[in-house]
C-alpha atoms as a PDB file:
ATOM      1  CA  MET A   1     -10.181  -5.155 -53.111  1.00  0.00           C
ATOM      2  CA  ARG A   2     -13.015  -5.606 -50.606  1.00  0.00           C
ATOM      3  CA  LEU A   3     -11.456  -8.810 -49.545  1.00  0.00           C
ATOM      4  CA  ARG A   4      -8.343  -7.228 -48.884  1.00  0.00           C
ATOM      5  CA  ALA A   5     -10.410  -4.645 -46.495  1.00  0.00           C
ATOM      6  CA  ARG A   6     -12.057  -7.091 -44.970  1.00  0.00           C
ATOM      7  CA  VAL A   7      -9.179  -9.143 -43.859  1.00  0.00           C
ATOM      8  CA  ALA A   8      -7.100  -5.919 -42.749  1.00  0.00           C
ATOM      9  CA  ILE A   9     -10.156  -5.271 -40.510  1.00  0.00           C
ATOM     10  CA  VAL A  10     -10.303  -8.854 -39.215  1.00  0.00           C
ATOM     11  CA  LEU A  11      -6.679  -8.834 -38.343  1.00  0.00           C
ATOM     12  CA  ALA A  12      -6.743  -5.570 -36.698  1.00  0.00           C
ATOM     13  CA  LEU A  13      -9.745  -7.105 -34.451  1.00  0.00           C
ATOM     14  CA  ILE A  14      -7.597 -10.094 -33.609  1.00  0.00           C
ATOM     15  CA  LEU A  15      -4.447  -8.215 -32.677  1.00  0.00           C
ATOM     16  CA  SER A  16      -6.173  -5.596 -30.719  1.00  0.00           C
ATOM     17  CA  GLY A  17      -7.504  -8.404 -28.608  1.00  0.00           C
ATOM     18  CA  CYS A  18      -3.805  -9.463 -27.699  1.00  0.00           C
ATOM     19  CA  GLY A  19      -3.076  -6.368 -25.890  1.00  0.00           C
ATOM     20  CA  GLY A  20      -2.444  -7.979 -22.433  1.00  0.00           C
ATOM     21  CA  ARG A  21      -4.895  -8.374 -19.609  1.00  0.00           C
ATOM     22  CA  PRO A  22      -7.126  -5.734 -18.465  1.00  0.00           C
ATOM     23  CA  ALA A  23      -6.178  -3.787 -15.136  1.00  0.00           C
ATOM     24  CA  PRO A  24      -8.400  -5.294 -12.215  1.00  0.00           C
ATOM     25  CA  PRO A  25     -11.592  -3.167 -11.426  1.00  0.00           C
ATOM     26  CA  VAL A  26     -10.904  -0.232  -9.220  1.00  0.00           C
ATOM     27  CA  GLY A  27     -11.607  -0.602  -5.582  1.00  0.00           C
ATOM     28  CA  PHE A  28     -10.710  -2.524  -2.374  1.00  0.00           C
ATOM     29  CA  ILE A  29     -10.942  -5.983  -1.189  1.00  0.00           C
ATOM     30  CA  ASN A  30     -12.166  -5.023   2.250  1.00  0.00           C
ATOM     31  CA  GLN A  31     -11.368  -7.534   4.883  1.00  0.00           C
ATOM     32  CA  THR A  32     -11.603  -4.827   7.701  1.00  0.00           C
ATOM     33  CA  LYS A  33     -14.228  -3.776   9.931  1.00  0.00           C
ATOM     34  CA  HIS A  34     -14.626  -0.470   8.326  1.00  0.00           C
ATOM     35  CA  SER A  35     -16.706   0.616   5.303  1.00  0.00           C
ATOM     36  CA  ASP A  36     -15.396   0.849   1.652  1.00  0.00           C
ATOM     37  CA  ALA A  37     -16.364   4.550   1.932  1.00  0.00           C
ATOM     38  CA  GLU A  38     -13.958   4.877   5.073  1.00  0.00           C
ATOM     39  CA  LEU A  39     -11.206   3.300   2.855  1.00  0.00           C
ATOM     40  CA  GLN A  40     -12.062   5.520   0.017  1.00  0.00           C
ATOM     41  CA  SER A  41     -11.647   8.422   2.187  1.00  0.00           C
ATOM     42  CA  LEU A  42      -8.313   7.532   3.563  1.00  0.00           C
ATOM     43  CA  TRP A  43      -7.059   6.548  -0.091  1.00  0.00           C
ATOM     44  CA  ARG A  44      -8.137  10.115  -1.193  1.00  0.00           C
ATOM     45  CA  GLN A  45      -6.281  11.728   1.644  1.00  0.00           C
ATOM     46  CA  ALA A  46      -3.063   9.881   0.994  1.00  0.00           C
ATOM     47  CA  GLN A  47      -3.213  11.098  -2.795  1.00  0.00           C
ATOM     48  CA  GLN A  48      -3.800  14.716  -1.162  1.00  0.00           C
ATOM     49  CA  ASN A  49      -0.764  14.146   0.916  1.00  0.00           C
ATOM     50  CA  LEU A  50       1.294  12.956  -1.917  1.00  0.00           C
ATOM     51  CA  SER A  51       0.325  15.690  -4.231  1.00  0.00           C
ATOM     52  CA  LEU A  52       1.944  18.287  -1.759  1.00  0.00           C
ATOM     53  CA  GLN A  53       5.112  16.635  -0.544  1.00  0.00           C
ATOM     54  CA  ILE A  54       6.678  13.223  -0.219  1.00  0.00           C
ATOM     55  CA  ASP A  55       8.938  11.829   2.538  1.00  0.00           C
ATOM     56  CA  LEU A  56      11.081   9.279   1.122  1.00  0.00           C
ATOM     57  CA  ASN A  57      12.730   7.871   4.400  1.00  0.00           C
ATOM     58  CA  PRO A  58      10.722   8.150   7.376  1.00  0.00           C
ATOM     59  CA  LEU A  59      12.092   4.896   8.691  1.00  0.00           C
ATOM     60  CA  GLN A  60      15.932   6.269   8.184  1.00  0.00           C
ATOM     61  CA  GLN A  61      14.855   9.183  10.310  1.00  0.00           C
ATOM     62  CA  GLY A  62      14.264   7.219  13.662  1.00  0.00           C
ATOM     63  CA  ASP A  63      16.839   4.730  14.293  1.00  0.00           C
ATOM     64  CA  GLU A  64      19.297   5.799  11.818  1.00  0.00           C
ATOM     65  CA  GLN A  65      18.848   9.294  12.593  1.00  0.00           C
ATOM     66  CA  ARG A  66      19.143  10.423   8.932  1.00  0.00           C
ATOM     67  CA  PRO A  67      17.753  13.913   7.969  1.00  0.00           C
ATOM     68  CA  PRO A  68      14.353  13.926   6.014  1.00  0.00           C
ATOM     69  CA  HIS A  69      14.369  13.280   2.435  1.00  0.00           C
ATOM     70  CA  ILE A  70      11.432  15.280   1.297  1.00  0.00           C
ATOM     71  CA  VAL A  71      10.586  16.053  -2.394  1.00  0.00           C
ATOM     72  CA  GLN A  72       7.976  18.152  -3.990  1.00  0.00           C
ATOM     73  CA  GLY A  73       4.467  16.630  -4.101  1.00  0.00           C
ATOM     74  CA  ASP A  74       3.522  14.525  -7.394  1.00  0.00           C
ATOM     75  CA  THR A  75       0.297  15.464  -8.757  1.00  0.00           C
ATOM     76  CA  ARG A  76       0.013  12.117 -10.457  1.00  0.00           C
ATOM     77  CA  ALA A  77      -0.874  10.836  -7.209  1.00  0.00           C
ATOM     78  CA  LEU A  78      -4.543  12.167  -7.514  1.00  0.00           C
ATOM     79  CA  SER A  79      -5.097   9.932 -10.466  1.00  0.00           C
ATOM     80  CA  VAL A  80      -3.970   6.556  -8.930  1.00  0.00           C
ATOM     81  CA  SER A  81      -6.510   4.293  -8.102  1.00  0.00           C
ATOM     82  CA  PRO A  82      -6.382   1.110  -5.987  1.00  0.00           C
ATOM     83  CA  HIS A  83      -7.125  -2.085  -8.116  1.00  0.00           C
ATOM     84  CA  GLN A  84      -8.399  -4.654  -5.868  1.00  0.00           C
ATOM     85  CA  LEU A  85      -6.066  -3.681  -3.077  1.00  0.00           C
ATOM     86  CA  VAL A  86      -6.626  -5.975  -0.360  1.00  0.00           C
ATOM     87  CA  VAL A  87      -7.100  -4.352   3.277  1.00  0.00           C
ATOM     88  CA  SER A  88      -6.920  -6.694   6.228  1.00  0.00           C
ATOM     89  CA  ALA A  89      -5.892  -7.078   9.763  1.00  0.00           C
ATOM     90  CA  ARG A  90      -3.327  -9.492  10.911  1.00  0.00           C
ATOM     91  CA  PRO A  91      -2.884 -11.047  14.551  1.00  0.00           C
ATOM     92  CA  ASP A  92      -0.433  -9.045  16.713  1.00  0.00           C
ATOM     93  CA  ILE A  93       2.564 -10.984  17.285  1.00  0.00           C
ATOM     94  CA  SER A  94       2.798 -11.751  21.116  1.00  0.00           C
ATOM     95  CA  ALA A  95       4.824  -9.949  23.921  1.00  0.00           C
ATOM     96  CA  ALA A  96       6.527 -13.071  24.470  1.00  0.00           C
ATOM     97  CA  GLU A  97       7.600 -13.409  20.512  1.00  0.00           C
ATOM     98  CA  LEU A  98       8.704  -9.942  20.155  1.00  0.00           C
ATOM     99  CA  TYR A  99      10.955 -10.350  23.715  1.00  0.00           C
ATOM    100  CA  ALA A 100      12.143 -13.541  22.554  1.00  0.00           C
ATOM    101  CA  THR A 101      13.195 -11.979  18.918  1.00  0.00           C
ATOM    102  CA  THR A 102      14.150  -8.566  19.854  1.00  0.00           C
ATOM    103  CA  GLY A 103      14.618  -8.153  23.613  1.00  0.00           C
ATOM    104  CA  THR A 104      11.880  -5.432  23.421  1.00  0.00           C
ATOM    105  CA  MET A 105       9.388  -5.727  26.313  1.00  0.00           C
ATOM    106  CA  ARG A 106       5.981  -4.602  25.246  1.00  0.00           C
ATOM    107  CA  PRO A 107       2.422  -5.765  26.931  1.00  0.00           C
ATOM    108  CA  ASP A 108      -0.194  -7.656  24.755  1.00  0.00           C
ATOM    109  CA  PRO A 109      -1.338  -6.743  22.379  1.00  0.00           C
ATOM    110  CA  THR A 110       1.726  -5.354  21.126  1.00  0.00           C
ATOM    111  CA  GLY A 111       0.260  -3.434  17.952  1.00  0.00           C
ATOM    112  CA  LEU A 112       3.034  -5.138  15.722  1.00  0.00           C
ATOM    113  CA  ILE A 113       2.934  -7.835  12.730  1.00  0.00           C
ATOM    114  CA  SER A 114       6.015  -9.693  11.149  1.00  0.00           C
ATOM    115  CA  CYS A 115       6.816  -8.058   8.119  1.00  0.00           C
ATOM    116  CA  PRO A 116       8.223 -10.325   5.373  1.00  0.00           C
ATOM    117  CA  ALA A 117      11.352  -9.776   3.299  1.00  0.00           C
ATOM    118  CA  PRO A 118      12.529  -7.655   1.737  1.00  0.00           C
ATOM    119  CA  SER A 119      11.215  -5.340   4.497  1.00  0.00           C
ATOM    120  CA  ASN A 120      13.849  -3.122   6.223  1.00  0.00           C
ATOM    121  CA  VAL A 121      12.019  -3.988   9.332  1.00  0.00           C
ATOM    122  CA  THR A 122      11.272  -7.230  11.363  1.00  0.00           C
ATOM    123  CA  TYR A 123       8.030  -5.865  12.997  1.00  0.00           C
ATOM    124  CA  ALA A 124       5.803  -3.096  12.392  1.00  0.00           C
ATOM    125  CA  PRO A 125       2.204  -1.592  12.988  1.00  0.00           C
ATOM    126  CA  ALA A 126       1.500  -2.186   9.239  1.00  0.00           C
ATOM    127  CA  TYR A 127       2.955  -3.092   6.016  1.00  0.00           C
ATOM    128  CA  SER A 128       2.232  -3.304   2.322  1.00  0.00           C
ATOM    129  CA  PRO A 129       3.488  -5.898   0.045  1.00  0.00           C
ATOM    130  CA  TYR A 130       3.341  -4.723  -3.674  1.00  0.00           C
ATOM    131  CA  ALA A 131       3.821  -8.025  -5.889  1.00  0.00           C
ATOM    132  CA  GLN A 132       0.195  -8.925  -5.003  1.00  0.00           C
ATOM    133  CA  PRO A 133      -1.069  -5.234  -3.721  1.00  0.00           C
ATOM    134  CA  ALA A 134      -2.071  -5.431  -0.287  1.00  0.00           C
ATOM    135  CA  THR A 135      -2.250  -3.490   2.955  1.00  0.00           C
ATOM    136  CA  ARG A 136      -2.129  -5.186   6.266  1.00  0.00           C
ATOM    137  CA  TYR A 137      -2.050  -3.964   9.869  1.00  0.00           C
ATOM    138  CA  ALA A 138      -1.988  -5.269  13.228  1.00  0.00           C
ATOM    139  CA  ALA A 139      -5.424  -6.494  14.344  1.00  0.00           C
ATOM    140  CA  SER A 140      -5.352  -4.284  17.595  1.00  0.00           C
ATOM    141  CA  TRP A 141      -5.513  -1.113  15.653  1.00  0.00           C
ATOM    142  CA  GLU A 142      -8.575  -2.026  14.219  1.00  0.00           C
ATOM    143  CA  PHE A 143     -10.914   0.157  16.720  1.00  0.00           C
ATOM    144  CA  SER A 144      -8.281   2.733  17.499  1.00  0.00           C
ATOM    145  CA  SER A 145      -9.815   5.102  15.076  1.00  0.00           C
ATOM    146  CA  ASN A 146      -7.281   7.942  14.625  1.00  0.00           C
ATOM    147  CA  ASN A 147      -4.374   5.383  14.860  1.00  0.00           C
ATOM    148  CA  PHE A 148      -6.053   3.070  12.551  1.00  0.00           C
ATOM    149  CA  ASP A 149      -6.520   6.124  10.028  1.00  0.00           C
ATOM    150  CA  VAL A 150      -2.930   7.279  10.232  1.00  0.00           C
ATOM    151  CA  LEU A 151      -1.751   3.550   9.644  1.00  0.00           C
ATOM    152  CA  VAL A 152      -3.701   2.837   6.691  1.00  0.00           C
ATOM    153  CA  GLU A 153      -3.519   6.097   5.159  1.00  0.00           C
ATOM    154  CA  TYR A 154       0.334   5.904   5.535  1.00  0.00           C
ATOM    155  CA  GLU A 155       0.228   2.525   3.669  1.00  0.00           C
ATOM    156  CA  PHE A 156      -1.863   3.776   0.874  1.00  0.00           C
ATOM    157  CA  GLU A 157       0.557   6.338   0.425  1.00  0.00           C
ATOM    158  CA  ASN A 158       3.325   3.649   0.002  1.00  0.00           C
ATOM    159  CA  GLN A 159       0.925   1.656  -2.546  1.00  0.00           C
ATOM    160  CA  ILE A 160       0.606   5.145  -4.551  1.00  0.00           C
ATOM    161  CA  LEU A 161       4.108   5.891  -4.531  1.00  0.00           C
ATOM    162  CA  ASN A 162       4.761   2.252  -5.641  1.00  0.00           C
ATOM    163  CA  VAL A 163       2.249   2.456  -8.601  1.00  0.00           C
ATOM    164  CA  LEU A 164       4.215   5.800  -9.429  1.00  0.00           C
ATOM    165  CA  GLY A 165       7.990   4.124  -9.500  1.00  0.00           C
ATOM    166  CA  TYR A 166       9.214   5.851  -6.260  1.00  0.00           C
ATOM    167  CA  ASP A 167      11.841   3.737  -4.106  1.00  0.00           C
ATOM    168  CA  THR A 168       9.645   2.835  -1.111  1.00  0.00           C
ATOM    169  CA  ARG A 169      12.500   1.081   0.469  1.00  0.00           C
ATOM    170  CA  TRP A 170      12.897   3.307   3.465  1.00  0.00           C
ATOM    171  CA  ARG A 171       9.019   4.077   4.036  1.00  0.00           C
END
């Protein structure tokens, strides 16, 4: 009888170790000129915003002039943490490149970066890929304090919404 109990315990320990990979540690891979505390503050503000209300289609409201798709806040946002989320600047695209590809005239620095597929826009001030979670922003925004905060906070909202399973295609 004792042998069976020992075998059962050993088997349970072995099987419990097969539960998959643990989540990466909480925090940022901070490749910005800002402190981790500043990024954490922006993350907390993004959580607060989403716990109150969620705008699911801001990209459609501009060019497509669609009405806002606002839904009730989701308090689950308050419990989502960044897990080794990379936050980094990318070089702005040049005014010449922007003009050549879109016909849009804008001075350097443009404040825009290329957005990879499957993004709904070609260029934006910031974007967040989700497969390997990251938030990227145009380098020229780094020291534009209020604008940097708004951009990164918005992208943090997108990261949180993605974790919660929302469709972020028009964000």
